[in-house]
Each structure stands twice: as structure tokens, then as C-alpha cells.
Amino acid sequence: QVQLVESGGGLVQAGESLRLSCVASGSIFGITSMGWHRQAPGKQRELVAEQSNGGFIDYADAVKGRSSVFWDMRKNSDDLQMRSLKHEDTSVYYCHAQERVQAATWDYWGQGTQVTVSS
């Protein structure tokens, strides 16, 4: 089991920057990727950015070029930095971790943190 606790979020103005942080605990040694997803009201949860333990980072087109994600494996933390925020970035942001044990994988999610961008 992996537990994820997020911090950050809140109300920001369009054009400003925001940093979200996530700390993992539990069976962290099997984690193969960490990142962030988001879900706006009435929409499906979608990828924001995800980093594999091999260093590959996948960014959603909507945030590419104005977002950075950093997975600190020593601290078991994952930070998402977003710049030039837009109203359409308003969502609940979820920290995600995937654990792999032999051939099986498990997905874990944080409780979510609300980000509201006022235009």
C-alpha cells in the first residue's frame, strides 16, 4: 500500500504560478512512476504530468511548456510547478503513483487538492 498526501493548491489569478507537492509513504520501493492528474467538474480525470523511475516525463499538451514535475526519490516527494495559469486549469489535482510488483501493477491516488484560477 502507498499513501499519498498532497499540499498546495487554492485560488490564484490567471497568469500566476502555482506549486503542488505530494509526499508518498508506505511500500514506496515498488513505485515505478509518480505524477499528477486533474479532474474538472463534469469531465474525466486526465493526465497533467507523469514521470517514470527511468526519468521519462510525459506532459499533457495542455500544460506542456509551462509546467515542470520533479520526483525526488530520496524524499519520496513529487512536485508540480505550473506557470502562466489559465482559467481552464481550474480542477481538482490528484497525485498519482503506480507500484509494480513482478507482473502486477497498482495505482494509488491522493485525496485531491482544488486549484481555482480566476480570470
N, C-alpha and C. Protein backbone atom coordinates (compact mmCIF):
# COMPACT_ATOMS: atom_id res chain seq x y z
N GLN A 1 0.84 -1.19 0.00
CA GLN A 1 0.00 0.00 0.00
C GLN A 1 0.87 1.24 0.00
N VAL A 2 0.44 2.22 -0.75
CA VAL A 2 1.12 3.51 -0.82
C VAL A 2 0.11 4.59 -0.44
N GLN A 3 0.52 5.48 0.43
CA GLN A 3 -0.31 6.61 0.80
C GLN A 3 0.29 7.88 0.21
N LEU A 4 -0.57 8.73 -0.32
CA LEU A 4 -0.14 9.97 -0.96
C LEU A 4 -0.85 11.14 -0.31
N VAL A 5 -0.08 12.14 0.08
CA VAL A 5 -0.66 13.32 0.71
C VAL A 5 -0.22 14.54 -0.08
N GLU A 6 -1.19 15.30 -0.57
CA GLU A 6 -0.90 16.49 -1.37
C GLU A 6 -0.96 17.75 -0.51
N SER A 7 -0.27 18.77 -0.98
CA SER A 7 -0.37 20.09 -0.38
C SER A 7 -0.23 21.12 -1.49
N GLY A 8 -0.64 22.33 -1.19
CA GLY A 8 -0.64 23.37 -2.20
C GLY A 8 -2.05 23.56 -2.73
N GLY A 9 -2.17 24.23 -3.83
CA GLY A 9 -3.49 24.50 -4.39
C GLY A 9 -4.09 25.76 -3.81
N GLY A 10 -5.33 26.03 -4.19
CA GLY A 10 -6.02 27.22 -3.70
C GLY A 10 -6.47 28.10 -4.85
N LEU A 11 -6.69 29.36 -4.54
CA LEU A 11 -7.18 30.32 -5.52
C LEU A 11 -6.03 31.19 -6.02
N VAL A 12 -5.86 31.24 -7.33
CA VAL A 12 -4.80 32.06 -7.93
C VAL A 12 -5.38 32.87 -9.08
N GLN A 13 -4.67 33.91 -9.46
CA GLN A 13 -5.08 34.74 -10.58
C GLN A 13 -4.51 34.16 -11.87
N ALA A 14 -5.21 34.35 -12.95
CA ALA A 14 -4.70 33.93 -14.26
C ALA A 14 -3.35 34.60 -14.51
N GLY A 15 -2.43 33.82 -15.04
CA GLY A 15 -1.10 34.31 -15.32
C GLY A 15 -0.09 34.05 -14.21
N GLU A 16 -0.59 33.71 -13.05
CA GLU A 16 0.30 33.45 -11.92
C GLU A 16 0.82 32.01 -11.96
N SER A 17 1.69 31.70 -10.99
CA SER A 17 2.28 30.36 -10.90
C SER A 17 1.77 29.66 -9.65
N LEU A 18 1.93 28.34 -9.66
CA LEU A 18 1.44 27.53 -8.54
C LEU A 18 2.34 26.32 -8.40
N ARG A 19 2.50 25.88 -7.15
CA ARG A 19 3.29 24.68 -6.88
C ARG A 19 2.46 23.73 -6.02
N LEU A 20 2.38 22.50 -6.48
CA LEU A 20 1.73 21.44 -5.72
C LEU A 20 2.78 20.43 -5.30
N SER A 21 2.63 19.91 -4.07
CA SER A 21 3.57 18.92 -3.57
C SER A 21 2.84 17.68 -3.12
N CYS A 22 3.50 16.55 -3.24
CA CYS A 22 2.94 15.26 -2.85
C CYS A 22 4.03 14.46 -2.15
N VAL A 23 3.69 13.87 -1.02
CA VAL A 23 4.62 13.01 -0.29
C VAL A 23 4.04 11.61 -0.22
N ALA A 24 4.86 10.62 -0.57
CA ALA A 24 4.44 9.22 -0.56
C ALA A 24 4.99 8.53 0.67
N SER A 25 4.22 7.60 1.20
CA SER A 25 4.66 6.77 2.32
C SER A 25 4.09 5.37 2.13
N GLY A 26 4.60 4.44 2.90
CA GLY A 26 4.15 3.06 2.78
C GLY A 26 5.15 2.23 1.98
N SER A 27 4.65 1.38 1.11
CA SER A 27 5.52 0.49 0.32
C SER A 27 6.04 1.22 -0.91
N ILE A 28 6.91 2.20 -0.66
CA ILE A 28 7.38 3.10 -1.72
C ILE A 28 8.42 2.49 -2.63
N PHE A 29 9.03 1.38 -2.23
CA PHE A 29 10.14 0.85 -3.02
C PHE A 29 9.69 0.23 -4.32
N GLY A 30 8.40 -0.06 -4.43
CA GLY A 30 7.89 -0.63 -5.67
C GLY A 30 7.32 0.39 -6.63
N ILE A 31 7.40 1.68 -6.26
CA ILE A 31 6.83 2.72 -7.12
C ILE A 31 7.66 2.86 -8.40
N THR A 32 7.00 2.81 -9.54
CA THR A 32 7.69 2.91 -10.82
C THR A 32 7.39 4.23 -11.53
N SER A 33 6.37 4.94 -11.10
CA SER A 33 6.10 6.26 -11.67
C SER A 33 5.29 7.08 -10.67
N MET A 34 5.48 8.40 -10.76
CA MET A 34 4.69 9.34 -9.95
C MET A 34 4.35 10.53 -10.81
N GLY A 35 3.23 11.16 -10.48
CA GLY A 35 2.87 12.33 -11.25
C GLY A 35 1.56 12.92 -10.78
N TRP A 36 0.96 13.69 -11.68
CA TRP A 36 -0.25 14.43 -11.36
C TRP A 36 -1.28 14.28 -12.46
N HIS A 37 -2.52 14.17 -12.02
CA HIS A 37 -3.66 14.16 -12.92
C HIS A 37 -4.66 15.19 -12.39
N ARG A 38 -5.64 15.55 -13.20
CA ARG A 38 -6.63 16.51 -12.74
C ARG A 38 -8.01 16.15 -13.28
N GLN A 39 -9.01 16.65 -12.58
CA GLN A 39 -10.38 16.39 -12.99
C GLN A 39 -11.24 17.62 -12.74
N ALA A 40 -11.78 18.17 -13.82
CA ALA A 40 -12.69 19.31 -13.72
C ALA A 40 -14.12 18.79 -13.61
N PRO A 41 -15.03 19.60 -13.08
CA PRO A 41 -16.43 19.16 -12.95
C PRO A 41 -17.02 18.72 -14.27
N GLY A 42 -17.63 17.54 -14.26
CA GLY A 42 -18.28 17.02 -15.47
C GLY A 42 -17.34 16.43 -16.49
N LYS A 43 -16.05 16.36 -16.16
CA LYS A 43 -15.07 15.83 -17.11
C LYS A 43 -14.34 14.63 -16.51
N GLN A 44 -13.71 13.87 -17.39
CA GLN A 44 -12.93 12.73 -16.94
C GLN A 44 -11.59 13.18 -16.38
N ARG A 45 -11.03 12.35 -15.51
CA ARG A 45 -9.71 12.65 -14.99
C ARG A 45 -8.71 12.53 -16.13
N GLU A 46 -7.75 13.47 -16.16
CA GLU A 46 -6.79 13.50 -17.25
C GLU A 46 -5.38 13.69 -16.72
N LEU A 47 -4.44 13.26 -17.52
CA LEU A 47 -3.03 13.41 -17.19
C LEU A 47 -2.63 14.88 -17.22
N VAL A 48 -1.82 15.26 -16.23
CA VAL A 48 -1.12 16.55 -16.28
C VAL A 48 0.35 16.27 -16.62
N ALA A 49 1.00 15.49 -15.77
CA ALA A 49 2.39 15.11 -16.00
C ALA A 49 2.70 13.88 -15.17
N GLU A 50 3.48 12.98 -15.72
CA GLU A 50 3.85 11.74 -15.04
C GLU A 50 5.30 11.44 -15.36
N GLN A 51 6.07 11.05 -14.32
CA GLN A 51 7.49 10.75 -14.50
C GLN A 51 7.75 9.31 -14.12
N SER A 52 8.47 8.58 -14.96
CA SER A 52 8.83 7.21 -14.65
C SER A 52 10.12 7.18 -13.85
N ASN A 53 10.39 6.03 -13.22
CA ASN A 53 11.64 5.93 -12.44
C ASN A 53 12.86 5.87 -13.35
N GLY A 54 12.65 5.77 -14.65
CA GLY A 54 13.74 5.84 -15.61
C GLY A 54 14.01 7.26 -16.06
N GLY A 55 13.18 8.21 -15.58
CA GLY A 55 13.41 9.62 -15.88
C GLY A 55 12.53 10.18 -16.98
N PHE A 56 11.80 9.34 -17.71
CA PHE A 56 10.94 9.86 -18.77
C PHE A 56 9.76 10.60 -18.17
N ILE A 57 9.44 11.78 -18.74
CA ILE A 57 8.32 12.58 -18.26
C ILE A 57 7.33 12.78 -19.41
N ASP A 58 6.10 12.50 -19.11
CA ASP A 58 5.02 12.68 -20.08
C ASP A 58 4.17 13.86 -19.64
N TYR A 59 4.11 14.90 -20.45
CA TYR A 59 3.29 16.08 -20.15
C TYR A 59 2.09 16.11 -21.08
N ALA A 60 0.95 16.53 -20.54
CA ALA A 60 -0.22 16.75 -21.38
C ALA A 60 0.04 17.95 -22.28
N ASP A 61 -0.49 17.91 -23.48
CA ASP A 61 -0.29 19.02 -24.41
C ASP A 61 -0.78 20.34 -23.82
N ALA A 62 -1.84 20.28 -23.02
CA ALA A 62 -2.43 21.50 -22.47
C ALA A 62 -1.51 22.23 -21.50
N VAL A 63 -0.53 21.53 -20.94
CA VAL A 63 0.36 22.16 -19.95
C VAL A 63 1.81 22.17 -20.39
N LYS A 64 2.09 21.55 -21.52
CA LYS A 64 3.47 21.44 -21.99
C LYS A 64 4.07 22.82 -22.22
N GLY A 65 5.27 23.01 -21.73
CA GLY A 65 5.95 24.29 -21.90
C GLY A 65 5.73 25.26 -20.75
N ARG A 66 4.77 25.00 -19.91
CA ARG A 66 4.54 25.89 -18.77
C ARG A 66 4.39 25.10 -17.47
N SER A 67 4.80 23.84 -17.50
CA SER A 67 4.73 23.01 -16.30
C SER A 67 6.02 22.22 -16.14
N SER A 68 6.36 21.95 -14.89
CA SER A 68 7.52 21.12 -14.59
C SER A 68 7.16 20.19 -13.45
N VAL A 69 7.59 18.95 -13.57
CA VAL A 69 7.36 17.99 -12.50
C VAL A 69 8.69 17.43 -12.06
N PHE A 70 8.84 17.25 -10.78
CA PHE A 70 10.10 16.74 -10.24
C PHE A 70 9.82 15.70 -9.18
N TRP A 71 10.33 14.51 -9.39
CA TRP A 71 10.17 13.39 -8.46
C TRP A 71 11.47 13.23 -7.69
N ASP A 72 11.46 13.56 -6.41
CA ASP A 72 12.62 13.41 -5.56
C ASP A 72 12.51 12.05 -4.86
N MET A 73 13.25 11.08 -5.37
CA MET A 73 13.12 9.72 -4.85
C MET A 73 13.70 9.58 -3.45
N ARG A 74 14.63 10.47 -3.10
CA ARG A 74 15.20 10.39 -1.76
C ARG A 74 14.19 10.87 -0.71
N LYS A 75 13.40 11.86 -1.09
CA LYS A 75 12.42 12.40 -0.16
C LYS A 75 11.04 11.80 -0.36
N ASN A 76 10.91 10.93 -1.37
CA ASN A 76 9.61 10.32 -1.69
C ASN A 76 8.57 11.39 -1.96
N SER A 77 8.96 12.44 -2.64
CA SER A 77 8.05 13.53 -2.91
C SER A 77 8.00 13.83 -4.41
N ASP A 78 6.93 14.41 -4.82
CA ASP A 78 6.74 14.78 -6.21
C ASP A 78 6.12 16.17 -6.27
N ASP A 79 6.78 17.09 -6.93
CA ASP A 79 6.30 18.47 -7.03
C ASP A 79 5.88 18.80 -8.45
N LEU A 80 4.80 19.54 -8.55
CA LEU A 80 4.34 20.05 -9.84
C LEU A 80 4.37 21.56 -9.79
N GLN A 81 5.09 22.15 -10.70
CA GLN A 81 5.16 23.61 -10.83
C GLN A 81 4.43 23.99 -12.11
N MET A 82 3.45 24.87 -11.97
CA MET A 82 2.73 25.34 -13.15
C MET A 82 2.84 26.85 -13.25
N ARG A 83 3.08 27.33 -14.47
CA ARG A 83 3.24 28.77 -14.72
C ARG A 83 2.17 29.24 -15.69
N SER A 84 2.02 30.54 -15.76
CA SER A 84 1.05 31.13 -16.70
C SER A 84 -0.30 30.42 -16.63
N LEU A 85 -0.82 30.33 -15.43
CA LEU A 85 -2.06 29.59 -15.23
C LEU A 85 -3.22 30.23 -15.99
N LYS A 86 -4.12 29.35 -16.47
CA LYS A 86 -5.29 29.77 -17.22
C LYS A 86 -6.55 29.33 -16.49
N HIS A 87 -7.66 29.99 -16.83
CA HIS A 87 -8.93 29.63 -16.19
C HIS A 87 -9.22 28.14 -16.38
N GLU A 88 -8.87 27.62 -17.57
CA GLU A 88 -9.15 26.21 -17.86
C GLU A 88 -8.27 25.24 -17.08
N ASP A 89 -7.32 25.75 -16.32
CA ASP A 89 -6.54 24.89 -15.43
C ASP A 89 -7.28 24.61 -14.13
N THR A 90 -8.40 25.26 -13.94
CA THR A 90 -9.19 25.04 -12.74
C THR A 90 -9.66 23.59 -12.68
N SER A 91 -9.27 22.88 -11.64
CA SER A 91 -9.58 21.46 -11.49
C SER A 91 -9.22 21.02 -10.08
N VAL A 92 -9.61 19.80 -9.77
CA VAL A 92 -9.05 19.11 -8.61
C VAL A 92 -7.84 18.34 -9.11
N TYR A 93 -6.72 18.56 -8.49
CA TYR A 93 -5.46 17.92 -8.89
C TYR A 93 -5.16 16.76 -7.95
N TYR A 94 -4.83 15.63 -8.56
CA TYR A 94 -4.57 14.40 -7.80
C TYR A 94 -3.14 13.94 -8.02
N CYS A 95 -2.48 13.65 -6.93
CA CYS A 95 -1.18 12.99 -7.01
C CYS A 95 -1.42 11.51 -7.33
N HIS A 96 -0.56 10.95 -8.16
CA HIS A 96 -0.70 9.55 -8.58
C HIS A 96 0.63 8.83 -8.44
N ALA A 97 0.56 7.59 -8.05
CA ALA A 97 1.74 6.72 -8.02
C ALA A 97 1.34 5.34 -8.51
N GLN A 98 2.22 4.75 -9.28
CA GLN A 98 1.99 3.38 -9.74
C GLN A 98 3.06 2.47 -9.15
N GLU A 99 2.62 1.40 -8.56
CA GLU A 99 3.51 0.41 -7.96
C GLU A 99 3.50 -0.84 -8.81
N ARG A 100 4.67 -1.39 -9.01
CA ARG A 100 4.78 -2.63 -9.77
C ARG A 100 5.46 -3.69 -8.92
N VAL A 101 4.83 -4.84 -8.78
CA VAL A 101 5.42 -5.98 -8.08
C VAL A 101 5.31 -7.17 -9.01
N GLN A 102 6.46 -7.59 -9.53
CA GLN A 102 6.53 -8.64 -10.56
C GLN A 102 5.66 -8.20 -11.73
N ALA A 103 4.62 -8.94 -12.08
CA ALA A 103 3.83 -8.61 -13.26
C ALA A 103 2.59 -7.78 -12.93
N ALA A 104 2.36 -7.51 -11.67
CA ALA A 104 1.15 -6.81 -11.26
C ALA A 104 1.43 -5.34 -10.98
N THR A 105 0.46 -4.47 -11.30
CA THR A 105 0.60 -3.04 -11.02
C THR A 105 -0.60 -2.56 -10.23
N TRP A 106 -0.36 -1.57 -9.39
CA TRP A 106 -1.42 -0.93 -8.61
C TRP A 106 -1.30 0.58 -8.78
N ASP A 107 -2.43 1.23 -8.86
CA ASP A 107 -2.47 2.68 -8.93
C ASP A 107 -2.99 3.26 -7.62
N TYR A 108 -2.31 4.29 -7.14
CA TYR A 108 -2.70 4.95 -5.91
C TYR A 108 -2.95 6.44 -6.19
N TRP A 109 -3.89 7.00 -5.44
CA TRP A 109 -4.26 8.39 -5.64
C TRP A 109 -4.30 9.13 -4.31
N GLY A 110 -3.91 10.40 -4.35
CA GLY A 110 -4.10 11.25 -3.19
C GLY A 110 -5.55 11.67 -3.08
N GLN A 111 -5.84 12.45 -2.07
CA GLN A 111 -7.22 12.85 -1.81
C GLN A 111 -7.66 13.97 -2.73
N GLY A 112 -6.71 14.62 -3.41
CA GLY A 112 -7.03 15.70 -4.33
C GLY A 112 -6.93 17.06 -3.67
N THR A 113 -6.49 18.04 -4.45
CA THR A 113 -6.42 19.41 -3.96
C THR A 113 -7.00 20.34 -5.03
N GLN A 114 -7.84 21.25 -4.60
CA GLN A 114 -8.54 22.12 -5.54
C GLN A 114 -7.64 23.27 -5.98
N VAL A 115 -7.59 23.49 -7.27
CA VAL A 115 -6.92 24.67 -7.85
C VAL A 115 -7.98 25.45 -8.62
N THR A 116 -8.14 26.70 -8.25
CA THR A 116 -9.10 27.57 -8.93
C THR A 116 -8.35 28.78 -9.48
N VAL A 117 -8.48 28.98 -10.79
CA VAL A 117 -7.80 30.09 -11.45
C VAL A 117 -8.87 31.10 -11.86
N SER A 118 -8.76 32.29 -11.29
CA SER A 118 -9.72 33.34 -11.62
C SER A 118 -9.19 34.17 -12.78
N SER A 119 -10.09 34.46 -13.69
CA SER A 119 -9.68 35.22 -14.89
C SER A 119 -9.98 36.70 -14.72
